[in-house]
Amino acid sequence: MAKGYWIGRVDISDPEQYARYIAANAAPFARYGARFLVRSGRFENPEGSSRARNVVIEFPSYEAALACYESPEYQAAKALRDPVSEADLVIVEGYDGKGGAAGQP
């Protein structure tokens, strides 16, 4: 089974309030097996647009990634984030090495 990933880009207008979101998202992330692969850090943006913070979170499956986002616990955390940030989030299924022609995205 392929893993699932959240790919997020965020601009934060109130870091103190955003810290409340981080504290609140810990429980649903633990419940759904989330593991941070990227959490801010240095980056280059050679193409397209960017935001100040970049995050990649791995889940055991695509279904777990969706269920976490849709959970009441995460939605409560998101309600803390929304007023103090602008975010782009993609939930994507990982590639398990099966199917598709070589070289195709």
C-alpha atoms as a PDB file:
ATOM      1  CA  MET A   1       0.000   0.000   0.000  1.00  0.00           C
ATOM      2  CA  ALA A   2       1.370   3.399  -0.988  1.00  0.00           C
ATOM      3  CA  LYS A   3       1.921   6.004   1.684  1.00  0.00           C
ATOM      4  CA  GLY A   4       0.090   9.324   1.748  1.00  0.00           C
ATOM      5  CA  TYR A   5       1.612  12.774   2.034  1.00  0.00           C
ATOM      6  CA  TRP A   6       0.578  16.280   2.920  1.00  0.00           C
ATOM      7  CA  ILE A   7       2.563  18.926   1.075  1.00  0.00           C
ATOM      8  CA  GLY A   8       1.940  22.312   2.628  1.00  0.00           C
ATOM      9  CA  ARG A   9       3.166  25.839   2.078  1.00  0.00           C
ATOM     10  CA  VAL A  10       2.252  28.483   4.662  1.00  0.00           C
ATOM     11  CA  ASP A  11       2.645  32.206   5.340  1.00  0.00           C
ATOM     12  CA  ILE A  12       2.064  33.072   9.006  1.00  0.00           C
ATOM     13  CA  SER A  13       0.869  36.493  10.202  1.00  0.00           C
ATOM     14  CA  ASP A  14       0.745  35.747  13.968  1.00  0.00           C
ATOM     15  CA  PRO A  15       3.397  33.262  15.175  1.00  0.00           C
ATOM     16  CA  GLU A  16       2.018  33.135  18.731  1.00  0.00           C
ATOM     17  CA  GLN A  17      -1.462  32.138  17.567  1.00  0.00           C
ATOM     18  CA  TYR A  18       0.055  29.728  15.040  1.00  0.00           C
ATOM     19  CA  ALA A  19       1.838  28.001  17.941  1.00  0.00           C
ATOM     20  CA  ARG A  20      -1.623  27.121  19.313  1.00  0.00           C
ATOM     21  CA  TYR A  21      -2.384  25.381  15.999  1.00  0.00           C
ATOM     22  CA  ILE A  22       0.868  23.396  16.250  1.00  0.00           C
ATOM     23  CA  ALA A  23      -0.028  22.254  19.770  1.00  0.00           C
ATOM     24  CA  ALA A  24      -3.559  21.310  18.679  1.00  0.00           C
ATOM     25  CA  ASN A  25      -2.511  19.306  15.620  1.00  0.00           C
ATOM     26  CA  ALA A  26      -0.208  16.986  17.619  1.00  0.00           C
ATOM     27  CA  ALA A  27      -3.018  14.652  18.729  1.00  0.00           C
ATOM     28  CA  PRO A  28      -4.579  14.019  15.307  1.00  0.00           C
ATOM     29  CA  PHE A  29      -1.132  13.658  13.730  1.00  0.00           C
ATOM     30  CA  ALA A  30      -0.214  11.014  16.317  1.00  0.00           C
ATOM     31  CA  ARG A  31      -3.566   9.256  15.895  1.00  0.00           C
ATOM     32  CA  TYR A  32      -3.120   8.923  12.119  1.00  0.00           C
ATOM     33  CA  GLY A  33       0.589   8.035  12.151  1.00  0.00           C
ATOM     34  CA  ALA A  34       1.947  11.294  10.730  1.00  0.00           C
ATOM     35  CA  ARG A  35       5.700  11.777  10.440  1.00  0.00           C
ATOM     36  CA  PHE A  36       7.300  15.070   9.456  1.00  0.00           C
ATOM     37  CA  LEU A  37       9.781  14.731   6.594  1.00  0.00           C
ATOM     38  CA  VAL A  38      10.153  18.483   6.035  1.00  0.00           C
ATOM     39  CA  ARG A  39       9.300  21.133   8.595  1.00  0.00           C
ATOM     40  CA  SER A  40      10.379  24.591   7.505  1.00  0.00           C
ATOM     41  CA  GLY A  41      14.143  24.879   6.963  1.00  0.00           C
ATOM     42  CA  ARG A  42      16.163  26.455   4.197  1.00  0.00           C
ATOM     43  CA  PHE A  43      14.826  26.334   0.663  1.00  0.00           C
ATOM     44  CA  GLU A  44      15.281  27.740  -2.827  1.00  0.00           C
ATOM     45  CA  ASN A  45      12.356  28.537  -5.100  1.00  0.00           C
ATOM     46  CA  PRO A  46      13.754  28.413  -8.650  1.00  0.00           C
ATOM     47  CA  GLU A  47      10.300  28.225 -10.276  1.00  0.00           C
ATOM     48  CA  GLY A  48       6.781  29.381  -9.455  1.00  0.00           C
ATOM     49  CA  SER A  49       5.699  31.053  -6.248  1.00  0.00           C
ATOM     50  CA  SER A  50       6.589  30.268  -2.665  1.00  0.00           C
ATOM     51  CA  ARG A  51       5.494  30.791   0.908  1.00  0.00           C
ATOM     52  CA  ALA A  52       7.660  31.275   3.984  1.00  0.00           C
ATOM     53  CA  ARG A  53       7.143  27.792   5.488  1.00  0.00           C
ATOM     54  CA  ASN A  54       7.181  24.431   3.700  1.00  0.00           C
ATOM     55  CA  VAL A  55       6.049  21.142   5.232  1.00  0.00           C
ATOM     56  CA  VAL A  56       5.926  17.534   4.019  1.00  0.00           C
ATOM     57  CA  ILE A  57       4.175  15.046   6.294  1.00  0.00           C
ATOM     58  CA  GLU A  58       4.143  11.304   5.621  1.00  0.00           C
ATOM     59  CA  PHE A  59       1.232   9.040   6.609  1.00  0.00           C
ATOM     60  CA  PRO A  60       1.067   5.233   6.530  1.00  0.00           C
ATOM     61  CA  SER A  61      -1.438   5.421   3.651  1.00  0.00           C
ATOM     62  CA  TYR A  62      -3.283   7.862   1.416  1.00  0.00           C
ATOM     63  CA  GLU A  63      -6.474   6.956   3.277  1.00  0.00           C
ATOM     64  CA  ALA A  64      -4.870   7.863   6.621  1.00  0.00           C
ATOM     65  CA  ALA A  65      -3.722  11.209   5.195  1.00  0.00           C
ATOM     66  CA  LEU A  66      -7.280  12.019   4.070  1.00  0.00           C
ATOM     67  CA  ALA A  67      -8.848  10.755   7.301  1.00  0.00           C
ATOM     68  CA  CYS A  68      -6.522  12.920   9.387  1.00  0.00           C
ATOM     69  CA  TYR A  69      -7.441  16.043   7.427  1.00  0.00           C
ATOM     70  CA  GLU A  70     -11.155  15.272   7.640  1.00  0.00           C
ATOM     71  CA  SER A  71     -11.088  14.365  11.347  1.00  0.00           C
ATOM     72  CA  PRO A  72     -12.902  16.628  13.818  1.00  0.00           C
ATOM     73  CA  GLU A  73      -9.666  16.959  15.814  1.00  0.00           C
ATOM     74  CA  TYR A  74      -7.673  18.274  12.866  1.00  0.00           C
ATOM     75  CA  GLN A  75     -10.506  20.548  11.741  1.00  0.00           C
ATOM     76  CA  ALA A  76     -10.533  22.087  15.243  1.00  0.00           C
ATOM     77  CA  ALA A  77      -6.774  22.697  14.963  1.00  0.00           C
ATOM     78  CA  LYS A  78      -7.209  24.127  11.456  1.00  0.00           C
ATOM     79  CA  ALA A  79      -9.751  26.607  12.834  1.00  0.00           C
ATOM     80  CA  LEU A  80      -6.908  28.041  14.952  1.00  0.00           C
ATOM     81  CA  ARG A  81      -4.611  28.272  11.926  1.00  0.00           C
ATOM     82  CA  ASP A  82      -6.983  29.796   9.390  1.00  0.00           C
ATOM     83  CA  PRO A  83      -7.282  33.345  10.830  1.00  0.00           C
ATOM     84  CA  VAL A  84      -3.498  33.777  11.173  1.00  0.00           C
ATOM     85  CA  SER A  85      -2.114  32.169   8.028  1.00  0.00           C
ATOM     86  CA  GLU A  86      -2.493  31.597   4.317  1.00  0.00           C
ATOM     87  CA  ALA A  87      -1.818  28.048   3.254  1.00  0.00           C
ATOM     88  CA  ASP A  88      -1.722  25.764   0.240  1.00  0.00           C
ATOM     89  CA  LEU A  89      -2.137  22.062   1.011  1.00  0.00           C
ATOM     90  CA  VAL A  90      -2.035  19.066  -1.297  1.00  0.00           C
ATOM     91  CA  ILE A  91      -2.789  15.548  -0.110  1.00  0.00           C
ATOM     92  CA  VAL A  92      -1.148  13.086  -2.473  1.00  0.00           C
ATOM     93  CA  GLU A  93      -0.692   9.344  -2.747  1.00  0.00           C
ATOM     94  CA  GLY A  94       2.924   8.230  -2.754  1.00  0.00           C
ATOM     95  CA  TYR A  95       4.506   6.214  -5.534  1.00  0.00           C
ATOM     96  CA  ASP A  96       4.999   2.571  -4.615  1.00  0.00           C
ATOM     97  CA  GLY A  97       7.141   1.697  -7.643  1.00  0.00           C
ATOM     98  CA  LYS A  98       4.378  -0.212  -9.388  1.00  0.00           C
ATOM     99  CA  GLY A  99       2.602   0.664 -12.607  1.00  0.00           C
ATOM    100  CA  GLY A 100       3.130   3.534 -15.014  1.00  0.00           C
ATOM    101  CA  ALA A 101       5.746   3.893 -17.725  1.00  0.00           C
ATOM    102  CA  ALA A 102       9.298   4.752 -16.762  1.00  0.00           C
ATOM    103  CA  GLY A 103       9.943   8.471 -16.767  1.00  0.00           C
ATOM    104  CA  GLN A 104       6.289   9.470 -16.472  1.00  0.00           C
ATOM    105  CA  PRO A 105       5.218  11.618 -13.506  1.00  0.00           C
END
